[in-house]
């Protein structure tokens, strides 16, 4: 009996969340995209929302916040690997200790 096994190659990167979400928006609101870019004003107006320039609202802001969102949206190339030799009762416990950059680890989880 001959088996036809197809080997699937993977690029080793995490899912591109930004691209996936953008494709969802394009499927529902294609008119909100021009030259591959999202026109947020048009999207909001289609949903009955309008940009309010009232600057007296409470906001949680800090320097570098927008950069944090950009970094969080980038694809990860890391891998979580167990270290049985550094673990206590690795085969018996259900607990894991994960060491690494917080944001990178959270993206991998």
PDB file of N, CA and C in Angstrom:
ATOM      1  N   UNK A   1       0.845  -1.176   0.000  1.00  0.00           N
ATOM      2  CA  UNK A   1       0.000   0.000   0.000  1.00  0.00           C
ATOM      3  C   UNK A   1       0.890   1.239   0.000  1.00  0.00           C
ATOM      4  N   UNK A   2       0.752   2.050  -0.978  1.00  0.00           N
ATOM      5  CA  UNK A   2       1.601   3.233  -1.134  1.00  0.00           C
ATOM      6  C   UNK A   2       0.880   4.452  -0.556  1.00  0.00           C
ATOM      7  N   UNK A   3       1.594   5.189   0.289  1.00  0.00           N
ATOM      8  CA  UNK A   3       1.014   6.391   0.882  1.00  0.00           C
ATOM      9  C   UNK A   3       1.617   7.612   0.207  1.00  0.00           C
ATOM     10  N   UNK A   4       0.770   8.535  -0.104  1.00  0.00           N
ATOM     11  CA  UNK A   4       1.221   9.781  -0.699  1.00  0.00           C
ATOM     12  C   UNK A   4       1.256  10.834   0.403  1.00  0.00           C
ATOM     13  N   UNK A   5       2.423  11.097   0.951  1.00  0.00           N
ATOM     14  CA  UNK A   5       2.573  12.064   2.032  1.00  0.00           C
ATOM     15  C   UNK A   5       3.046  13.393   1.465  1.00  0.00           C
ATOM     16  N   UNK A   6       2.268  14.398   1.713  1.00  0.00           N
ATOM     17  CA  UNK A   6       2.629  15.729   1.238  1.00  0.00           C
ATOM     18  C   UNK A   6       3.255  16.495   2.392  1.00  0.00           C
ATOM     19  N   UNK A   7       4.457  16.988   2.183  1.00  0.00           N
ATOM     20  CA  UNK A   7       5.154  17.734   3.219  1.00  0.00           C
ATOM     21  C   UNK A   7       4.807  19.204   3.057  1.00  0.00           C
ATOM     22  N   UNK A   8       4.288  19.771   4.151  1.00  0.00           N
ATOM     23  CA  UNK A   8       3.908  21.181   4.123  1.00  0.00           C
ATOM     24  C   UNK A   8       5.007  22.001   4.791  1.00  0.00           C
ATOM     25  N   UNK A   9       5.521  22.971   4.077  1.00  0.00           N
ATOM     26  CA  UNK A   9       6.558  23.834   4.629  1.00  0.00           C
ATOM     27  C   UNK A   9       5.895  25.021   5.308  1.00  0.00           C
ATOM     28  N   UNK A  10       6.423  25.383   6.459  1.00  0.00           N
ATOM     29  CA  UNK A  10       5.922  26.547   7.180  1.00  0.00           C
ATOM     30  C   UNK A  10       7.060  27.552   7.310  1.00  0.00           C
ATOM     31  N   UNK A  11       6.694  28.814   7.420  1.00  0.00           N
ATOM     32  CA  UNK A  11       7.724  29.855   7.466  1.00  0.00           C
ATOM     33  C   UNK A  11       8.243  30.113   8.870  1.00  0.00           C
ATOM     34  N   UNK A  12       7.634  29.516   9.898  1.00  0.00           N
ATOM     35  CA  UNK A  12       8.123  29.674  11.262  1.00  0.00           C
ATOM     36  C   UNK A  12       7.744  30.985  11.915  1.00  0.00           C
ATOM     37  N   UNK A  13       6.817  31.714  11.339  1.00  0.00           N
ATOM     38  CA  UNK A  13       6.378  32.988  11.908  1.00  0.00           C
ATOM     39  C   UNK A  13       4.966  32.839  12.454  1.00  0.00           C
ATOM     40  N   UNK A  14       4.645  33.692  13.404  1.00  0.00           N
ATOM     41  CA  UNK A  14       3.291  33.677  13.933  1.00  0.00           C
ATOM     42  C   UNK A  14       2.330  34.256  12.899  1.00  0.00           C
ATOM     43  N   UNK A  15       1.049  34.102  13.150  1.00  0.00           N
ATOM     44  CA  UNK A  15       0.026  34.595  12.227  1.00  0.00           C
ATOM     45  C   UNK A  15       0.142  36.108  12.070  1.00  0.00           C
ATOM     46  N   UNK A  16      -0.030  36.602  10.876  1.00  0.00           N
ATOM     47  CA  UNK A  16      -0.009  38.041  10.612  1.00  0.00           C
ATOM     48  C   UNK A  16      -1.400  38.583  10.922  1.00  0.00           C
ATOM     49  N   UNK A  17      -1.600  38.975  12.177  1.00  0.00           N
ATOM     50  CA  UNK A  17      -2.913  39.402  12.659  1.00  0.00           C
ATOM     51  C   UNK A  17      -3.391  40.632  11.909  1.00  0.00           C
ATOM     52  N   UNK A  18      -2.496  41.580  11.674  1.00  0.00           N
ATOM     53  CA  UNK A  18      -2.890  42.807  10.980  1.00  0.00           C
ATOM     54  C   UNK A  18      -3.430  42.512   9.591  1.00  0.00           C
ATOM     55  N   UNK A  19      -2.745  41.669   8.850  1.00  0.00           N
ATOM     56  CA  UNK A  19      -3.189  41.336   7.487  1.00  0.00           C
ATOM     57  C   UNK A  19      -4.505  40.577   7.511  1.00  0.00           C
ATOM     58  N   UNK A  20      -4.667  39.666   8.474  1.00  0.00           N
ATOM     59  CA  UNK A  20      -5.903  38.896   8.568  1.00  0.00           C
ATOM     60  C   UNK A  20      -7.096  39.797   8.879  1.00  0.00           C
ATOM     61  N   UNK A  21      -6.914  40.726   9.800  1.00  0.00           N
ATOM     62  CA  UNK A  21      -8.000  41.638  10.160  1.00  0.00           C
ATOM     63  C   UNK A  21      -8.319  42.598   9.013  1.00  0.00           C
ATOM     64  N   UNK A  22      -7.281  43.037   8.307  1.00  0.00           N
ATOM     65  CA  UNK A  22      -7.487  43.923   7.170  1.00  0.00           C
ATOM     66  C   UNK A  22      -8.287  43.216   6.072  1.00  0.00           C
ATOM     67  N   UNK A  23      -7.991  41.946   5.841  1.00  0.00           N
ATOM     68  CA  UNK A  23      -8.731  41.179   4.833  1.00  0.00           C
ATOM     69  C   UNK A  23     -10.196  41.014   5.223  1.00  0.00           C
ATOM     70  N   UNK A  24     -10.463  40.837   6.516  1.00  0.00           N
ATOM     71  CA  UNK A  24     -11.847  40.749   6.979  1.00  0.00           C
ATOM     72  C   UNK A  24     -12.588  42.056   6.680  1.00  0.00           C
ATOM     73  N   UNK A  25     -11.927  43.180   6.987  1.00  0.00           N
ATOM     74  CA  UNK A  25     -12.548  44.482   6.721  1.00  0.00           C
ATOM     75  C   UNK A  25     -12.775  44.687   5.227  1.00  0.00           C
ATOM     76  N   UNK A  26     -11.802  44.303   4.406  1.00  0.00           N
ATOM     77  CA  UNK A  26     -11.948  44.450   2.955  1.00  0.00           C
ATOM     78  C   UNK A  26     -13.126  43.642   2.433  1.00  0.00           C
ATOM     79  N   UNK A  27     -13.356  42.458   3.016  1.00  0.00           N
ATOM     80  CA  UNK A  27     -14.465  41.616   2.570  1.00  0.00           C
ATOM     81  C   UNK A  27     -15.809  42.256   2.888  1.00  0.00           C
ATOM     82  N   UNK A  28     -15.900  42.940   4.025  1.00  0.00           N
ATOM     83  CA  UNK A  28     -17.167  43.542   4.439  1.00  0.00           C
ATOM     84  C   UNK A  28     -17.325  44.977   3.934  1.00  0.00           C
ATOM     85  N   UNK A  29     -16.241  45.739   3.942  1.00  0.00           N
ATOM     86  CA  UNK A  29     -16.282  47.152   3.558  1.00  0.00           C
ATOM     87  C   UNK A  29     -15.242  47.461   2.477  1.00  0.00           C
ATOM     88  N   UNK A  30     -15.381  46.922   1.278  1.00  0.00           N
ATOM     89  CA  UNK A  30     -14.365  47.175   0.247  1.00  0.00           C
ATOM     90  C   UNK A  30     -14.276  48.647  -0.152  1.00  0.00           C
ATOM     91  N   UNK A  31     -15.370  49.373  -0.003  1.00  0.00           N
ATOM     92  CA  UNK A  31     -15.368  50.780  -0.391  1.00  0.00           C
ATOM     93  C   UNK A  31     -14.550  51.657   0.545  1.00  0.00           C
ATOM     94  N   UNK A  32     -14.103  51.115   1.685  1.00  0.00           N
ATOM     95  CA  UNK A  32     -13.309  51.866   2.645  1.00  0.00           C
ATOM     96  C   UNK A  32     -11.811  51.743   2.395  1.00  0.00           C
ATOM     97  N   UNK A  33     -11.440  51.081   1.295  1.00  0.00           N
ATOM     98  CA  UNK A  33     -10.032  50.906   0.975  1.00  0.00           C
ATOM     99  C   UNK A  33      -9.709  51.575  -0.350  1.00  0.00           C
ATOM    100  N   UNK A  34      -8.609  52.303  -0.358  1.00  0.00           N
ATOM    101  CA  UNK A  34      -8.116  52.920  -1.577  1.00  0.00           C
ATOM    102  C   UNK A  34      -6.611  52.707  -1.615  1.00  0.00           C
ATOM    103  N   UNK A  35      -6.129  52.111  -2.695  1.00  0.00           N
ATOM    104  CA  UNK A  35      -4.712  51.802  -2.864  1.00  0.00           C
ATOM    105  C   UNK A  35      -4.178  50.962  -1.703  1.00  0.00           C
ATOM    106  N   UNK A  36      -5.009  50.053  -1.215  1.00  0.00           N
ATOM    107  CA  UNK A  36      -4.603  49.150  -0.146  1.00  0.00           C
ATOM    108  C   UNK A  36      -4.623  49.730   1.246  1.00  0.00           C
ATOM    109  N   UNK A  37      -5.028  50.985   1.382  1.00  0.00           N
ATOM    110  CA  UNK A  37      -5.037  51.633   2.690  1.00  0.00           C
ATOM    111  C   UNK A  37      -6.464  51.859   3.156  1.00  0.00           C
ATOM    112  N   UNK A  38      -6.667  51.709   4.453  1.00  0.00           N
ATOM    113  CA  UNK A  38      -7.975  51.879   5.069  1.00  0.00           C
ATOM    114  C   UNK A  38      -8.274  53.359   5.283  1.00  0.00           C
ATOM    115  N   UNK A  39      -9.448  53.781   4.820  1.00  0.00           N
ATOM    116  CA  UNK A  39      -9.922  55.144   5.078  1.00  0.00           C
ATOM    117  C   UNK A  39     -10.822  55.054   6.306  1.00  0.00           C
ATOM    118  N   UNK A  40     -10.244  55.349   7.463  1.00  0.00           N
ATOM    119  CA  UNK A  40     -10.950  55.173   8.729  1.00  0.00           C
ATOM    120  C   UNK A  40     -12.155  56.102   8.844  1.00  0.00           C
ATOM    121  N   UNK A  41     -12.073  57.309   8.296  1.00  0.00           N
ATOM    122  CA  UNK A  41     -13.205  58.233   8.337  1.00  0.00           C
ATOM    123  C   UNK A  41     -14.404  57.649   7.594  1.00  0.00           C
ATOM    124  N   UNK A  42     -14.151  57.053   6.443  1.00  0.00           N
ATOM    125  CA  UNK A  42     -15.226  56.456   5.658  1.00  0.00           C
ATOM    126  C   UNK A  42     -15.829  55.258   6.394  1.00  0.00           C
ATOM    127  N   UNK A  43     -14.971  54.434   6.986  1.00  0.00           N
ATOM    128  CA  UNK A  43     -15.456  53.277   7.729  1.00  0.00           C
ATOM    129  C   UNK A  43     -16.337  53.707   8.898  1.00  0.00           C
ATOM    130  N   UNK A  44     -15.885  54.678   9.647  1.00  0.00           N
ATOM    131  CA  UNK A  44     -16.670  55.156  10.776  1.00  0.00           C
ATOM    132  C   UNK A  44     -18.001  55.750  10.324  1.00  0.00           C
ATOM    133  N   UNK A  45     -17.976  56.530   9.260  1.00  0.00           N
ATOM    134  CA  UNK A  45     -19.222  57.145   8.795  1.00  0.00           C
ATOM    135  C   UNK A  45     -20.219  56.094   8.305  1.00  0.00           C
ATOM    136  N   UNK A  46     -19.746  55.008   7.696  1.00  0.00           N
ATOM    137  CA  UNK A  46     -20.636  53.922   7.284  1.00  0.00           C
ATOM    138  C   UNK A  46     -21.279  53.230   8.479  1.00  0.00           C
ATOM    139  N   UNK A  47     -20.601  53.277   9.616  1.00  0.00           N
ATOM    140  CA  UNK A  47     -21.117  52.650  10.835  1.00  0.00           C
ATOM    141  C   UNK A  47     -21.886  53.642  11.705  1.00  0.00           C
ATOM    142  N   UNK A  48     -22.088  54.850  11.191  1.00  0.00           N
ATOM    143  CA  UNK A  48     -22.837  55.855  11.940  1.00  0.00           C
ATOM    144  C   UNK A  48     -22.038  56.537  13.020  1.00  0.00           C
ATOM    145  N   UNK A  49     -20.735  56.419  12.952  1.00  0.00           N
ATOM    146  CA  UNK A  49     -19.848  57.054  13.927  1.00  0.00           C
ATOM    147  C   UNK A  49     -19.076  58.160  13.220  1.00  0.00           C
ATOM    148  N   UNK A  50     -18.828  59.221  13.923  1.00  0.00           N
ATOM    149  CA  UNK A  50     -18.099  60.335  13.336  1.00  0.00           C
ATOM    150  C   UNK A  50     -17.017  60.770  14.302  1.00  0.00           C
ATOM    151  N   UNK A  51     -15.897  61.174  13.763  1.00  0.00           N
ATOM    152  CA  UNK A  51     -14.771  61.589  14.593  1.00  0.00           C
ATOM    153  C   UNK A  51     -15.145  62.875  15.312  1.00  0.00           C
ATOM    154  N   UNK A  52     -15.013  62.809  16.631  1.00  0.00           N
ATOM    155  CA  UNK A  52     -15.335  63.946  17.491  1.00  0.00           C
ATOM    156  C   UNK A  52     -14.021  64.548  17.958  1.00  0.00           C
ATOM    157  N   UNK A  53     -13.791  65.795  17.649  1.00  0.00           N
ATOM    158  CA  UNK A  53     -12.543  66.444  18.038  1.00  0.00           C
ATOM    159  C   UNK A  53     -12.631  67.083  19.417  1.00  0.00           C
ATOM    160  N   UNK A  54     -13.442  66.493  20.290  1.00  0.00           N
ATOM    161  CA  UNK A  54     -13.570  66.985  21.651  1.00  0.00           C
ATOM    162  C   UNK A  54     -12.371  66.471  22.445  1.00  0.00           C
ATOM    163  N   UNK A  55     -11.462  67.348  22.799  1.00  0.00           N
ATOM    164  CA  UNK A  55     -10.236  66.950  23.470  1.00  0.00           C
ATOM    165  C   UNK A  55     -10.372  66.948  24.993  1.00  0.00           C
ATOM    166  N   UNK A  56     -11.585  67.091  25.510  1.00  0.00           N
ATOM    167  CA  UNK A  56     -11.795  67.095  26.946  1.00  0.00           C
ATOM    168  C   UNK A  56     -12.177  65.721  27.471  1.00  0.00           C
ATOM    169  N   UNK A  57     -11.873  64.689  26.729  1.00  0.00           N
ATOM    170  CA  UNK A  57     -12.179  63.332  27.160  1.00  0.00           C
ATOM    171  C   UNK A  57     -11.029  62.791  27.990  1.00  0.00           C
ATOM    172  N   UNK A  58     -11.341  61.822  28.847  1.00  0.00           N
ATOM    173  CA  UNK A  58     -10.309  61.147  29.615  1.00  0.00           C
ATOM    174  C   UNK A  58      -9.670  60.088  28.727  1.00  0.00           C
ATOM    175  N   UNK A  59      -8.367  60.058  28.745  1.00  0.00           N
ATOM    176  CA  UNK A  59      -7.645  59.089  27.929  1.00  0.00           C
ATOM    177  C   UNK A  59      -6.492  58.520  28.733  1.00  0.00           C
ATOM    178  N   UNK A  60      -6.138  57.293  28.403  1.00  0.00           N
ATOM    179  CA  UNK A  60      -4.967  56.667  28.997  1.00  0.00           C
ATOM    180  C   UNK A  60      -3.868  56.739  27.950  1.00  0.00           C
ATOM    181  N   UNK A  61      -3.016  57.710  28.051  1.00  0.00           N
ATOM    182  CA  UNK A  61      -1.991  57.964  27.043  1.00  0.00           C
ATOM    183  C   UNK A  61      -0.616  57.953  27.696  1.00  0.00           C
ATOM    184  N   UNK A  62       0.365  57.580  26.945  1.00  0.00           N
ATOM    185  CA  UNK A  62       1.758  57.683  27.368  1.00  0.00           C
ATOM    186  C   UNK A  62       2.638  57.785  26.136  1.00  0.00           C
ATOM    187  N   UNK A  63       3.829  58.317  26.325  1.00  0.00           N
ATOM    188  CA  UNK A  63       4.750  58.456  25.218  1.00  0.00           C
ATOM    189  C   UNK A  63       5.160  57.067  24.733  1.00  0.00           C
ATOM    190  N   UNK A  64       5.028  56.825  23.443  1.00  0.00           N
ATOM    191  CA  UNK A  64       5.396  55.544  22.863  1.00  0.00           C
ATOM    192  C   UNK A  64       4.236  54.564  22.756  1.00  0.00           C
ATOM    193  N   UNK A  65       3.017  54.990  23.096  1.00  0.00           N
ATOM    194  CA  UNK A  65       1.864  54.085  23.061  1.00  0.00           C
ATOM    195  C   UNK A  65       1.602  53.567  21.649  1.00  0.00           C
ATOM    196  N   UNK A  66       1.634  54.443  20.658  1.00  0.00           N
ATOM    197  CA  UNK A  66       1.363  54.005  19.288  1.00  0.00           C
ATOM    198  C   UNK A  66       2.459  53.049  18.792  1.00  0.00           C
ATOM    199  N   UNK A  67       3.690  53.268  19.217  1.00  0.00           N
ATOM    200  CA  UNK A  67       4.786  52.364  18.842  1.00  0.00           C
ATOM    201  C   UNK A  67       4.576  50.986  19.474  1.00  0.00           C
ATOM    202  N   UNK A  68       4.049  50.958  20.695  1.00  0.00           N
ATOM    203  CA  UNK A  68       3.748  49.681  21.355  1.00  0.00           C
ATOM    204  C   UNK A  68       2.724  48.893  20.554  1.00  0.00           C
ATOM    205  N   UNK A  69       1.692  49.560  20.049  1.00  0.00           N
ATOM    206  CA  UNK A  69       0.675  48.881  19.243  1.00  0.00           C
ATOM    207  C   UNK A  69       1.284  48.338  17.943  1.00  0.00           C
ATOM    208  N   UNK A  70       2.195  49.100  17.352  1.00  0.00           N
ATOM    209  CA  UNK A  70       2.851  48.631  16.128  1.00  0.00           C
ATOM    210  C   UNK A  70       3.692  47.381  16.401  1.00  0.00           C
ATOM    211  N   UNK A  71       4.441  47.410  17.487  1.00  0.00           N
ATOM    212  CA  UNK A  71       5.285  46.266  17.829  1.00  0.00           C
ATOM    213  C   UNK A  71       4.423  45.050  18.159  1.00  0.00           C
ATOM    214  N   UNK A  72       3.338  45.256  18.878  1.00  0.00           N
ATOM    215  CA  UNK A  72       2.454  44.148  19.259  1.00  0.00           C
ATOM    216  C   UNK A  72       1.817  43.500  18.037  1.00  0.00           C
ATOM    217  N   UNK A  73       1.603  44.265  16.982  1.00  0.00           N
ATOM    218  CA  UNK A  73       0.977  43.737  15.777  1.00  0.00           C
ATOM    219  C   UNK A  73       1.921  43.039  14.827  1.00  0.00           C
ATOM    220  N   UNK A  74       3.215  43.156  15.067  1.00  0.00           N
ATOM    221  CA  UNK A  74       4.201  42.519  14.178  1.00  0.00           C
ATOM    222  C   UNK A  74       4.251  41.019  14.412  1.00  0.00           C
ATOM    223  N   UNK A  75       4.604  40.293  13.389  1.00  0.00           N
ATOM    224  CA  UNK A  75       4.696  38.830  13.480  1.00  0.00           C
ATOM    225  C   UNK A  75       5.903  38.421  14.302  1.00  0.00           C
ATOM    226  N   UNK A  76       5.739  37.352  15.034  1.00  0.00           N
ATOM    227  CA  UNK A  76       6.800  36.832  15.882  1.00  0.00           C
ATOM    228  C   UNK A  76       7.526  35.703  15.165  1.00  0.00           C
ATOM    229  N   UNK A  77       8.823  35.603  15.398  1.00  0.00           N
ATOM    230  CA  UNK A  77       9.591  34.499  14.823  1.00  0.00           C
ATOM    231  C   UNK A  77      10.125  33.581  15.915  1.00  0.00           C
ATOM    232  N   UNK A  78       9.699  33.806  17.156  1.00  0.00           N
ATOM    233  CA  UNK A  78      10.175  33.005  18.276  1.00  0.00           C
ATOM    234  C   UNK A  78       9.468  31.654  18.368  1.00  0.00           C
ATOM    235  N   UNK A  79       9.985  30.818  19.228  1.00  0.00           N
ATOM    236  CA  UNK A  79       9.418  29.487  19.458  1.00  0.00           C
ATOM    237  C   UNK A  79       9.476  29.191  20.948  1.00  0.00           C
ATOM    238  N   UNK A  80       8.396  28.638  21.476  1.00  0.00           N
ATOM    239  CA  UNK A  80       8.401  28.188  22.866  1.00  0.00           C
ATOM    240  C   UNK A  80       8.871  26.741  22.895  1.00  0.00           C
ATOM    241  N   UNK A  81       9.910  26.482  23.685  1.00  0.00           N
ATOM    242  CA  UNK A  81      10.444  25.123  23.784  1.00  0.00           C
ATOM    243  C   UNK A  81      10.588  24.755  25.255  1.00  0.00           C
ATOM    244  N   UNK A  82      10.183  23.542  25.629  1.00  0.00           N
ATOM    245  CA  UNK A  82      10.349  23.114  27.025  1.00  0.00           C
ATOM    246  C   UNK A  82      11.803  22.779  27.320  1.00  0.00           C
ATOM    247  N   UNK A  83      12.189  22.923  28.576  1.00  0.00           N
ATOM    248  CA  UNK A  83      13.531  22.549  29.039  1.00  0.00           C
ATOM    249  C   UNK A  83      13.365  21.533  30.161  1.00  0.00           C
ATOM    250  N   UNK A  84      13.176  20.277  29.810  1.00  0.00           N
ATOM    251  CA  UNK A  84      12.968  19.240  30.835  1.00  0.00           C
ATOM    252  C   UNK A  84      14.111  19.149  31.848  1.00  0.00           C
ATOM    253  N   UNK A  85      15.349  19.392  31.409  1.00  0.00           N
ATOM    254  CA  UNK A  85      16.493  19.279  32.316  1.00  0.00           C
ATOM    255  C   UNK A  85      16.520  20.396  33.359  1.00  0.00           C
ATOM    256  N   UNK A  86      15.870  21.525  33.121  1.00  0.00           N
ATOM    257  CA  UNK A  86      15.817  22.617  34.090  1.00  0.00           C
ATOM    258  C   UNK A  86      14.526  22.593  34.902  1.00  0.00           C
ATOM    259  N   UNK A  87      13.639  21.664  34.613  1.00  0.00           N
ATOM    260  CA  UNK A  87      12.327  21.608  35.253  1.00  0.00           C
ATOM    261  C   UNK A  87      12.326  20.632  36.423  1.00  0.00           C
ATOM    262  N   UNK A  88      11.368  20.815  37.318  1.00  0.00           N
ATOM    263  CA  UNK A  88      11.159  19.911  38.438  1.00  0.00           C
ATOM    264  C   UNK A  88       9.963  19.032  38.110  1.00  0.00           C
ATOM    265  N   UNK A  89      10.145  17.733  38.080  1.00  0.00           N
ATOM    266  CA  UNK A  89       9.079  16.775  37.753  1.00  0.00           C
ATOM    267  C   UNK A  89       8.385  17.143  36.451  1.00  0.00           C
ATOM    268  N   UNK A  90       9.151  17.342  35.401  1.00  0.00           N
ATOM    269  CA  UNK A  90       8.607  17.783  34.110  1.00  0.00           C
ATOM    270  C   UNK A  90       7.520  16.851  33.582  1.00  0.00           C
ATOM    271  N   UNK A  91       7.701  15.548  33.743  1.00  0.00           N
ATOM    272  CA  UNK A  91       6.735  14.584  33.210  1.00  0.00           C
ATOM    273  C   UNK A  91       5.473  14.474  34.053  1.00  0.00           C
ATOM    274  N   UNK A  92       5.506  14.927  35.302  1.00  0.00           N
ATOM    275  CA  UNK A  92       4.363  14.757  36.201  1.00  0.00           C
ATOM    276  C   UNK A  92       3.536  16.036  36.399  1.00  0.00           C
ATOM    277  N   UNK A  93       4.136  17.167  36.240  1.00  0.00           N
ATOM    278  CA  UNK A  93       3.437  18.419  36.546  1.00  0.00           C
ATOM    279  C   UNK A  93       2.726  18.979  35.317  1.00  0.00           C
ATOM    280  N   UNK A  94       1.719  19.776  35.543  1.00  0.00           N
ATOM    281  CA  UNK A  94       1.014  20.471  34.460  1.00  0.00           C
ATOM    282  C   UNK A  94       1.381  21.950  34.418  1.00  0.00           C
ATOM    283  N   UNK A  95       2.367  22.328  35.198  1.00  0.00           N
ATOM    284  CA  UNK A  95       2.759  23.732  35.277  1.00  0.00           C
ATOM    285  C   UNK A  95       3.933  24.013  34.351  1.00  0.00           C
ATOM    286  N   UNK A  96       3.939  25.212  33.806  1.00  0.00           N
ATOM    287  CA  UNK A  96       5.047  25.649  32.949  1.00  0.00           C
ATOM    288  C   UNK A  96       5.545  26.997  33.421  1.00  0.00           C
ATOM    289  N   UNK A  97       6.829  27.166  33.364  1.00  0.00           N
ATOM    290  CA  UNK A  97       7.455  28.451  33.628  1.00  0.00           C
ATOM    291  C   UNK A  97       7.995  28.944  32.299  1.00  0.00           C
ATOM    292  N   UNK A  98       7.575  30.129  31.883  1.00  0.00           N
ATOM    293  CA  UNK A  98       8.002  30.661  30.588  1.00  0.00           C
ATOM    294  C   UNK A  98       8.881  31.873  30.843  1.00  0.00           C
ATOM    295  N   UNK A  99      10.055  31.860  30.238  1.00  0.00           N
ATOM    296  CA  UNK A  99      11.013  32.940  30.410  1.00  0.00           C
ATOM    297  C   UNK A  99      11.248  33.613  29.073  1.00  0.00           C
ATOM    298  N   UNK A 100      11.227  34.944  29.052  1.00  0.00           N
ATOM    299  CA  UNK A 100      11.486  35.682  27.831  1.00  0.00           C
ATOM    300  C   UNK A 100      10.870  37.064  27.877  1.00  0.00           C
ATOM    301  N   UNK A 101      10.972  37.767  26.775  1.00  0.00           N
ATOM    302  CA  UNK A 101      10.368  39.087  26.658  1.00  0.00           C
ATOM    303  C   UNK A 101       8.848  38.951  26.785  1.00  0.00           C
ATOM    304  N   UNK A 102       8.240  39.732  27.666  1.00  0.00           N
ATOM    305  CA  UNK A 102       6.807  39.599  27.944  1.00  0.00           C
ATOM    306  C   UNK A 102       5.954  39.684  26.683  1.00  0.00           C
ATOM    307  N   UNK A 103       6.144  40.695  25.873  1.00  0.00           N
ATOM    308  CA  UNK A 103       5.328  40.887  24.691  1.00  0.00           C
ATOM    309  C   UNK A 103       5.530  39.753  23.693  1.00  0.00           C
ATOM    310  N   UNK A 104       6.764  39.344  23.497  1.00  0.00           N
ATOM    311  CA  UNK A 104       7.060  38.255  22.549  1.00  0.00           C
ATOM    312  C   UNK A 104       6.412  36.950  23.019  1.00  0.00           C
ATOM    313  N   UNK A 105       6.517  36.651  24.302  1.00  0.00           N
ATOM    314  CA  UNK A 105       5.924  35.430  24.852  1.00  0.00           C
ATOM    315  C   UNK A 105       4.402  35.470  24.719  1.00  0.00           C
ATOM    316  N   UNK A 106       3.787  36.591  25.041  1.00  0.00           N
ATOM    317  CA  UNK A 106       2.337  36.701  24.931  1.00  0.00           C
ATOM    318  C   UNK A 106       1.864  36.509  23.498  1.00  0.00           C
ATOM    319  N   UNK A 107       2.605  37.031  22.535  1.00  0.00           N
ATOM    320  CA  UNK A 107       2.234  36.834  21.132  1.00  0.00           C
ATOM    321  C   UNK A 107       2.326  35.365  20.747  1.00  0.00           C
ATOM    322  N   UNK A 108       3.291  34.652  21.290  1.00  0.00           N
ATOM    323  CA  UNK A 108       3.453  33.237  20.967  1.00  0.00           C
ATOM    324  C   UNK A 108       2.377  32.367  21.617  1.00  0.00           C
ATOM    325  N   UNK A 109       1.905  32.802  22.772  1.00  0.00           N
ATOM    326  CA  UNK A 109       0.864  32.037  23.454  1.00  0.00           C
ATOM    327  C   UNK A 109      -0.439  32.166  22.689  1.00  0.00           C
TER     328      UNK A 109
END
